Amino acid sequence: MNIMKFETITQTQIAKRAYWIDEISRLSGNFGADSDKVEQTINEEIQLEGLDVLLGHLRLCGAIPIVDPIVKTTISQN
């Protein structure tokens, strides 16, 4: 039997989440300046590392859940 190891989140993604949580906690409160800085930094990460970085950010903020594709869910209709 061939069992695939499925990683929901990698160690690199965990480190990035910790980094961004720390960065977010340090925001100045100036929404315009803060959002420009965050957007620029995220765009640079995407340019260097690809779209997986964007998906990681969306998962961090809760916009995309982390889903295990091996688990099947049945929805019953009443």
PDB file of N, CA and C in Angstrom:
ATOM      1  N   MET A   1       0.844  -1.178   0.000  1.00  0.00           N
ATOM      2  CA  MET A   1       0.000   0.000   0.000  1.00  0.00           C
ATOM      3  C   MET A   1       0.891   1.242   0.000  1.00  0.00           C
ATOM      4  N   ASN A   2       0.652   2.117  -0.944  1.00  0.00           N
ATOM      5  CA  ASN A   2       1.412   3.350  -1.050  1.00  0.00           C
ATOM      6  C   ASN A   2       0.629   4.469  -0.354  1.00  0.00           C
ATOM      7  N   ILE A   3       1.170   4.973   0.735  1.00  0.00           N
ATOM      8  CA  ILE A   3       0.510   6.037   1.483  1.00  0.00           C
ATOM      9  C   ILE A   3       1.224   7.345   1.204  1.00  0.00           C
ATOM     10  N   MET A   4       0.460   8.319   0.713  1.00  0.00           N
ATOM     11  CA  MET A   4       1.028   9.638   0.447  1.00  0.00           C
ATOM     12  C   MET A   4       0.983  10.470   1.714  1.00  0.00           C
ATOM     13  N   LYS A   5       2.059  11.169   1.969  1.00  0.00           N
ATOM     14  CA  LYS A   5       2.071  12.102   3.083  1.00  0.00           C
ATOM     15  C   LYS A   5       1.492  13.417   2.575  1.00  0.00           C
ATOM     16  N   PHE A   6       0.500  13.917   3.277  1.00  0.00           N
ATOM     17  CA  PHE A   6      -0.139  15.166   2.879  1.00  0.00           C
ATOM     18  C   PHE A   6       0.152  16.213   3.939  1.00  0.00           C
ATOM     19  N   GLU A   7       0.814  17.283   3.537  1.00  0.00           N
ATOM     20  CA  GLU A   7       1.097  18.381   4.448  1.00  0.00           C
ATOM     21  C   GLU A   7       0.094  19.486   4.204  1.00  0.00           C
ATOM     22  N   THR A   8      -0.668  19.803   5.228  1.00  0.00           N
ATOM     23  CA  THR A   8      -1.633  20.884   5.105  1.00  0.00           C
ATOM     24  C   THR A   8      -0.920  22.219   5.111  1.00  0.00           C
ATOM     25  N   ILE A   9       0.107  22.323   5.934  1.00  0.00           N
ATOM     26  CA  ILE A   9       0.887  23.554   6.018  1.00  0.00           C
ATOM     27  C   ILE A   9       2.351  23.166   6.225  1.00  0.00           C
ATOM     28  N   THR A  10       3.217  23.796   5.474  1.00  0.00           N
ATOM     29  CA  THR A  10       4.647  23.484   5.560  1.00  0.00           C
ATOM     30  C   THR A  10       5.314  24.307   6.660  1.00  0.00           C
ATOM     31  N   GLN A  11       6.503  23.912   7.033  1.00  0.00           N
ATOM     32  CA  GLN A  11       7.267  24.658   8.030  1.00  0.00           C
ATOM     33  C   GLN A  11       7.560  26.081   7.535  1.00  0.00           C
ATOM     34  N   THR A  12       7.810  26.220   6.246  1.00  0.00           N
ATOM     35  CA  THR A  12       8.046  27.554   5.674  1.00  0.00           C
ATOM     36  C   THR A  12       6.809  28.432   5.833  1.00  0.00           C
ATOM     37  N   GLN A  13       5.630  27.862   5.571  1.00  0.00           N
ATOM     38  CA  GLN A  13       4.395  28.619   5.714  1.00  0.00           C
ATOM     39  C   GLN A  13       4.142  28.995   7.178  1.00  0.00           C
ATOM     40  N   ILE A  14       4.481  28.107   8.095  1.00  0.00           N
ATOM     41  CA  ILE A  14       4.340  28.413   9.523  1.00  0.00           C
ATOM     42  C   ILE A  14       5.233  29.598   9.887  1.00  0.00           C
ATOM     43  N   ALA A  15       6.468  29.572   9.397  1.00  0.00           N
ATOM     44  CA  ALA A  15       7.396  30.673   9.672  1.00  0.00           C
ATOM     45  C   ALA A  15       6.888  31.984   9.076  1.00  0.00           C
ATOM     46  N   LYS A  16       6.343  31.922   7.853  1.00  0.00           N
ATOM     47  CA  LYS A  16       5.804  33.130   7.220  1.00  0.00           C
ATOM     48  C   LYS A  16       4.620  33.668   7.999  1.00  0.00           C
ATOM     49  N   ARG A  17       3.757  32.790   8.491  1.00  0.00           N
ATOM     50  CA  ARG A  17       2.615  33.238   9.292  1.00  0.00           C
ATOM     51  C   ARG A  17       3.092  33.941  10.556  1.00  0.00           C
ATOM     52  N   ALA A  18       4.073  33.372  11.208  1.00  0.00           N
ATOM     53  CA  ALA A  18       4.607  33.995  12.421  1.00  0.00           C
ATOM     54  C   ALA A  18       5.183  35.378  12.090  1.00  0.00           C
ATOM     55  N   TYR A  19       5.914  35.454  10.981  1.00  0.00           N
ATOM     56  CA  TYR A  19       6.484  36.737  10.547  1.00  0.00           C
ATOM     57  C   TYR A  19       5.379  37.767  10.320  1.00  0.00           C
ATOM     58  N   TRP A  20       4.337  37.385   9.576  1.00  0.00           N
ATOM     59  CA  TRP A  20       3.287  38.343   9.235  1.00  0.00           C
ATOM     60  C   TRP A  20       2.448  38.721  10.442  1.00  0.00           C
ATOM     61  N   ILE A  21       2.210  37.803  11.336  1.00  0.00           N
ATOM     62  CA  ILE A  21       1.483  38.151  12.559  1.00  0.00           C
ATOM     63  C   ILE A  21       2.275  39.184  13.343  1.00  0.00           C
ATOM     64  N   ASP A  22       3.585  39.005  13.408  1.00  0.00           N
ATOM     65  CA  ASP A  22       4.441  39.980  14.084  1.00  0.00           C
ATOM     66  C   ASP A  22       4.398  41.328  13.364  1.00  0.00           C
ATOM     67  N   GLU A  23       4.479  41.297  12.023  1.00  0.00           N
ATOM     68  CA  GLU A  23       4.423  42.542  11.243  1.00  0.00           C
ATOM     69  C   GLU A  23       3.096  43.275  11.455  1.00  0.00           C
ATOM     70  N   ILE A  24       2.002  42.535  11.427  1.00  0.00           N
ATOM     71  CA  ILE A  24       0.679  43.143  11.587  1.00  0.00           C
ATOM     72  C   ILE A  24       0.556  43.776  12.974  1.00  0.00           C
ATOM     73  N   SER A  25       1.149  43.121  13.968  1.00  0.00           N
ATOM     74  CA  SER A  25       1.056  43.671  15.329  1.00  0.00           C
ATOM     75  C   SER A  25       1.832  44.976  15.475  1.00  0.00           C
ATOM     76  N   ARG A  26       2.735  45.262  14.535  1.00  0.00           N
ATOM     77  CA  ARG A  26       3.545  46.472  14.600  1.00  0.00           C
ATOM     78  C   ARG A  26       3.033  47.619  13.727  1.00  0.00           C
ATOM     79  N   LEU A  27       1.899  47.447  13.096  1.00  0.00           N
ATOM     80  CA  LEU A  27       1.383  48.499  12.222  1.00  0.00           C
ATOM     81  C   LEU A  27       1.184  49.784  13.008  1.00  0.00           C
ATOM     82  N   SER A  28       1.360  50.897  12.316  1.00  0.00           N
ATOM     83  CA  SER A  28       1.356  52.208  12.969  1.00  0.00           C
ATOM     84  C   SER A  28      -0.036  52.736  13.285  1.00  0.00           C
ATOM     85  N   GLY A  29      -1.037  52.221  12.615  1.00  0.00           N
ATOM     86  CA  GLY A  29      -2.382  52.763  12.779  1.00  0.00           C
ATOM     87  C   GLY A  29      -2.756  53.722  11.656  1.00  0.00           C
ATOM     88  N   ASN A  30      -1.791  54.054  10.801  1.00  0.00           N
ATOM     89  CA  ASN A  30      -2.045  54.892   9.634  1.00  0.00           C
ATOM     90  C   ASN A  30      -2.398  53.956   8.485  1.00  0.00           C
ATOM     91  N   PHE A  31      -3.709  53.773   8.268  1.00  0.00           N
ATOM     92  CA  PHE A  31      -4.165  52.765   7.319  1.00  0.00           C
ATOM     93  C   PHE A  31      -3.543  52.935   5.937  1.00  0.00           C
ATOM     94  N   GLY A  32      -3.501  54.153   5.430  1.00  0.00           N
ATOM     95  CA  GLY A  32      -2.960  54.390   4.091  1.00  0.00           C
ATOM     96  C   GLY A  32      -1.515  53.953   3.972  1.00  0.00           C
ATOM     97  N   ALA A  33      -0.682  54.395   4.886  1.00  0.00           N
ATOM     98  CA  ALA A  33       0.746  54.048   4.840  1.00  0.00           C
ATOM     99  C   ALA A  33       0.956  52.571   5.108  1.00  0.00           C
ATOM    100  N   ASP A  34       0.221  52.037   6.100  1.00  0.00           N
ATOM    101  CA  ASP A  34       0.381  50.624   6.443  1.00  0.00           C
ATOM    102  C   ASP A  34      -0.042  49.712   5.303  1.00  0.00           C
ATOM    103  N   SER A  35      -1.184  50.013   4.674  1.00  0.00           N
ATOM    104  CA  SER A  35      -1.661  49.143   3.598  1.00  0.00           C
ATOM    105  C   SER A  35      -0.734  49.205   2.389  1.00  0.00           C
ATOM    106  N   ASP A  36      -0.181  50.380   2.095  1.00  0.00           N
ATOM    107  CA  ASP A  36       0.778  50.492   0.990  1.00  0.00           C
ATOM    108  C   ASP A  36       2.016  49.647   1.254  1.00  0.00           C
ATOM    109  N   LYS A  37       2.529  49.713   2.478  1.00  0.00           N
ATOM    110  CA  LYS A  37       3.720  48.944   2.844  1.00  0.00           C
ATOM    111  C   LYS A  37       3.451  47.441   2.764  1.00  0.00           C
ATOM    112  N   VAL A  38       2.320  47.004   3.316  1.00  0.00           N
ATOM    113  CA  VAL A  38       1.976  45.580   3.307  1.00  0.00           C
ATOM    114  C   VAL A  38       1.781  45.099   1.867  1.00  0.00           C
ATOM    115  N   GLU A  39       1.059  45.875   1.069  1.00  0.00           N
ATOM    116  CA  GLU A  39       0.826  45.497  -0.329  1.00  0.00           C
ATOM    117  C   GLU A  39       2.144  45.379  -1.094  1.00  0.00           C
ATOM    118  N   GLN A  40       3.029  46.322  -0.904  1.00  0.00           N
ATOM    119  CA  GLN A  40       4.319  46.284  -1.595  1.00  0.00           C
ATOM    120  C   GLN A  40       5.123  45.049  -1.179  1.00  0.00           C
ATOM    121  N   THR A  41       5.138  44.748   0.098  1.00  0.00           N
ATOM    122  CA  THR A  41       5.895  43.599   0.594  1.00  0.00           C
ATOM    123  C   THR A  41       5.312  42.288   0.065  1.00  0.00           C
ATOM    124  N   ILE A  42       3.990  42.174   0.063  1.00  0.00           N
ATOM    125  CA  ILE A  42       3.348  40.963  -0.459  1.00  0.00           C
ATOM    126  C   ILE A  42       3.628  40.817  -1.951  1.00  0.00           C
ATOM    127  N   ASN A  43       3.534  41.908  -2.704  1.00  0.00           N
ATOM    128  CA  ASN A  43       3.837  41.848  -4.139  1.00  0.00           C
ATOM    129  C   ASN A  43       5.268  41.396  -4.394  1.00  0.00           C
ATOM    130  N   GLU A  44       6.208  41.869  -3.584  1.00  0.00           N
ATOM    131  CA  GLU A  44       7.602  41.445  -3.728  1.00  0.00           C
ATOM    132  C   GLU A  44       7.747  39.956  -3.435  1.00  0.00           C
ATOM    133  N   GLU A  45       7.060  39.468  -2.390  1.00  0.00           N
ATOM    134  CA  GLU A  45       7.108  38.039  -2.070  1.00  0.00           C
ATOM    135  C   GLU A  45       6.550  37.203  -3.225  1.00  0.00           C
ATOM    136  N   ILE A  46       5.449  37.652  -3.806  1.00  0.00           N
ATOM    137  CA  ILE A  46       4.839  36.923  -4.915  1.00  0.00           C
ATOM    138  C   ILE A  46       5.785  36.885  -6.111  1.00  0.00           C
ATOM    139  N   GLN A  47       6.441  38.005  -6.410  1.00  0.00           N
ATOM    140  CA  GLN A  47       7.401  38.048  -7.519  1.00  0.00           C
ATOM    141  C   GLN A  47       8.551  37.071  -7.298  1.00  0.00           C
ATOM    142  N   LEU A  48       9.012  36.974  -6.062  1.00  0.00           N
ATOM    143  CA  LEU A  48      10.149  36.102  -5.757  1.00  0.00           C
ATOM    144  C   LEU A  48       9.771  34.631  -5.624  1.00  0.00           C
ATOM    145  N   GLU A  49       8.591  34.362  -5.035  1.00  0.00           N
ATOM    146  CA  GLU A  49       8.269  32.987  -4.647  1.00  0.00           C
ATOM    147  C   GLU A  49       7.061  32.390  -5.342  1.00  0.00           C
ATOM    148  N   GLY A  50       6.313  33.190  -6.080  1.00  0.00           N
ATOM    149  CA  GLY A  50       5.184  32.646  -6.826  1.00  0.00           C
ATOM    150  C   GLY A  50       3.848  32.811  -6.115  1.00  0.00           C
ATOM    151  N   LEU A  51       2.812  32.322  -6.770  1.00  0.00           N
ATOM    152  CA  LEU A  51       1.441  32.519  -6.297  1.00  0.00           C
ATOM    153  C   LEU A  51       1.117  31.747  -5.025  1.00  0.00           C
ATOM    154  N   ASP A  52       1.882  30.714  -4.692  1.00  0.00           N
ATOM    155  CA  ASP A  52       1.633  29.991  -3.443  1.00  0.00           C
ATOM    156  C   ASP A  52       1.724  30.924  -2.242  1.00  0.00           C
ATOM    157  N   VAL A  53       2.560  31.948  -2.348  1.00  0.00           N
ATOM    158  CA  VAL A  53       2.685  32.931  -1.273  1.00  0.00           C
ATOM    159  C   VAL A  53       1.350  33.658  -1.085  1.00  0.00           C
ATOM    160  N   LEU A  54       0.718  34.030  -2.186  1.00  0.00           N
ATOM    161  CA  LEU A  54      -0.575  34.717  -2.110  1.00  0.00           C
ATOM    162  C   LEU A  54      -1.613  33.816  -1.450  1.00  0.00           C
ATOM    163  N   LEU A  55      -1.653  32.553  -1.834  1.00  0.00           N
ATOM    164  CA  LEU A  55      -2.600  31.619  -1.221  1.00  0.00           C
ATOM    165  C   LEU A  55      -2.346  31.495   0.277  1.00  0.00           C
ATOM    166  N   GLY A  56      -1.074  31.489   0.662  1.00  0.00           N
ATOM    167  CA  GLY A  56      -0.739  31.444   2.078  1.00  0.00           C
ATOM    168  C   GLY A  56      -1.269  32.652   2.827  1.00  0.00           C
ATOM    169  N   HIS A  57      -1.153  33.838   2.221  1.00  0.00           N
ATOM    170  CA  HIS A  57      -1.669  35.052   2.851  1.00  0.00           C
ATOM    171  C   HIS A  57      -3.191  34.998   2.971  1.00  0.00           C
ATOM    172  N   LEU A  58      -3.844  34.516   1.936  1.00  0.00           N
ATOM    173  CA  LEU A  58      -5.302  34.419   1.987  1.00  0.00           C
ATOM    174  C   LEU A  58      -5.747  33.416   3.043  1.00  0.00           C
ATOM    175  N   ARG A  59      -5.007  32.335   3.192  1.00  0.00           N
ATOM    176  CA  ARG A  59      -5.327  31.365   4.242  1.00  0.00           C
ATOM    177  C   ARG A  59      -5.101  31.971   5.623  1.00  0.00           C
ATOM    178  N   LEU A  60      -4.030  32.735   5.772  1.00  0.00           N
ATOM    179  CA  LEU A  60      -3.726  33.367   7.058  1.00  0.00           C
ATOM    180  C   LEU A  60      -4.858  34.294   7.496  1.00  0.00           C
ATOM    181  N   CYS A  61      -5.405  35.045   6.553  1.00  0.00           N
ATOM    182  CA  CYS A  61      -6.466  35.981   6.927  1.00  0.00           C
ATOM    183  C   CYS A  61      -7.837  35.319   6.940  1.00  0.00           C
ATOM    184  N   GLY A  62      -7.903  34.035   6.631  1.00  0.00           N
ATOM    185  CA  GLY A  62      -9.164  33.311   6.708  1.00  0.00           C
ATOM    186  C   GLY A  62     -10.004  33.361   5.456  1.00  0.00           C
ATOM    187  N   ALA A  63      -9.476  33.925   4.382  1.00  0.00           N
ATOM    188  CA  ALA A  63     -10.244  34.024   3.145  1.00  0.00           C
ATOM    189  C   ALA A  63     -10.339  32.681   2.414  1.00  0.00           C
ATOM    190  N   ILE A  64      -9.354  31.818   2.608  1.00  0.00           N
ATOM    191  CA  ILE A  64      -9.364  30.488   2.002  1.00  0.00           C
ATOM    192  C   ILE A  64      -9.067  29.480   3.106  1.00  0.00           C
ATOM    193  N   PRO A  65      -9.968  28.544   3.352  1.00  0.00           N
ATOM    194  CA  PRO A  65      -9.692  27.546   4.387  1.00  0.00           C
ATOM    195  C   PRO A  65      -8.632  26.554   3.910  1.00  0.00           C
ATOM    196  N   ILE A  66      -7.982  25.917   4.842  1.00  0.00           N
ATOM    197  CA  ILE A  66      -7.036  24.852   4.517  1.00  0.00           C
ATOM    198  C   ILE A  66      -7.855  23.574   4.441  1.00  0.00           C
ATOM    199  N   VAL A  67      -7.860  22.944   3.276  1.00  0.00           N
ATOM    200  CA  VAL A  67      -8.695  21.776   3.047  1.00  0.00           C
ATOM    201  C   VAL A  67      -7.822  20.579   2.736  1.00  0.00           C
ATOM    202  N   ASP A  68      -8.138  19.452   3.360  1.00  0.00           N
ATOM    203  CA  ASP A  68      -7.459  18.198   3.088  1.00  0.00           C
ATOM    204  C   ASP A  68      -8.224  17.509   1.968  1.00  0.00           C
ATOM    205  N   PRO A  69      -7.643  17.382   0.763  1.00  0.00           N
ATOM    206  CA  PRO A  69      -8.391  16.811  -0.355  1.00  0.00           C
ATOM    207  C   PRO A  69      -8.673  15.327  -0.201  1.00  0.00           C
ATOM    208  N   ILE A  70      -8.031  14.661   0.751  1.00  0.00           N
ATOM    209  CA  ILE A  70      -8.241  13.227   0.956  1.00  0.00           C
ATOM    210  C   ILE A  70      -9.540  12.993   1.716  1.00  0.00           C
ATOM    211  N   VAL A  71      -9.912  13.930   2.585  1.00  0.00           N
ATOM    212  CA  VAL A  71     -11.118  13.781   3.384  1.00  0.00           C
ATOM    213  C   VAL A  71     -12.349  14.111   2.533  1.00  0.00           C
ATOM    214  N   LYS A  72     -13.291  13.209   2.524  1.00  0.00           N
ATOM    215  CA  LYS A  72     -14.522  13.429   1.753  1.00  0.00           C
ATOM    216  C   LYS A  72     -15.636  13.839   2.723  1.00  0.00           C
ATOM    217  N   THR A  73     -16.412  14.826   2.360  1.00  0.00           N
ATOM    218  CA  THR A  73     -17.513  15.297   3.199  1.00  0.00           C
ATOM    219  C   THR A  73     -18.818  15.051   2.474  1.00  0.00           C
ATOM    220  N   THR A  74     -19.763  14.481   3.190  1.00  0.00           N
ATOM    221  CA  THR A  74     -21.089  14.258   2.629  1.00  0.00           C
ATOM    222  C   THR A  74     -22.052  15.262   3.219  1.00  0.00           C
ATOM    223  N   ILE A  75     -22.763  15.957   2.377  1.00  0.00           N
ATOM    224  CA  ILE A  75     -23.739  16.942   2.827  1.00  0.00           C
ATOM    225  C   ILE A  75     -25.121  16.321   2.650  1.00  0.00           C
ATOM    226  N   SER A  76     -25.847  16.175   3.759  1.00  0.00           N
ATOM    227  CA  SER A  76     -27.190  15.604   3.647  1.00  0.00           C
ATOM    228  C   SER A  76     -28.208  16.722   3.474  1.00  0.00           C
ATOM    229  N   GLN A  77     -29.162  16.498   2.635  1.00  0.00           N
ATOM    230  CA  GLN A  77     -30.212  17.487   2.416  1.00  0.00           C
ATOM    231  C   GLN A  77     -31.457  16.999   3.118  1.00  0.00           C
ATOM    232  N   ASN A  78     -32.101  17.857   3.874  1.00  0.00           N
ATOM    233  CA  ASN A  78     -33.337  17.486   4.582  1.00  0.00           C
ATOM    234  C   ASN A  78     -34.539  17.893   3.799  1.00  0.00           C
TER     235      ASN A  78
END
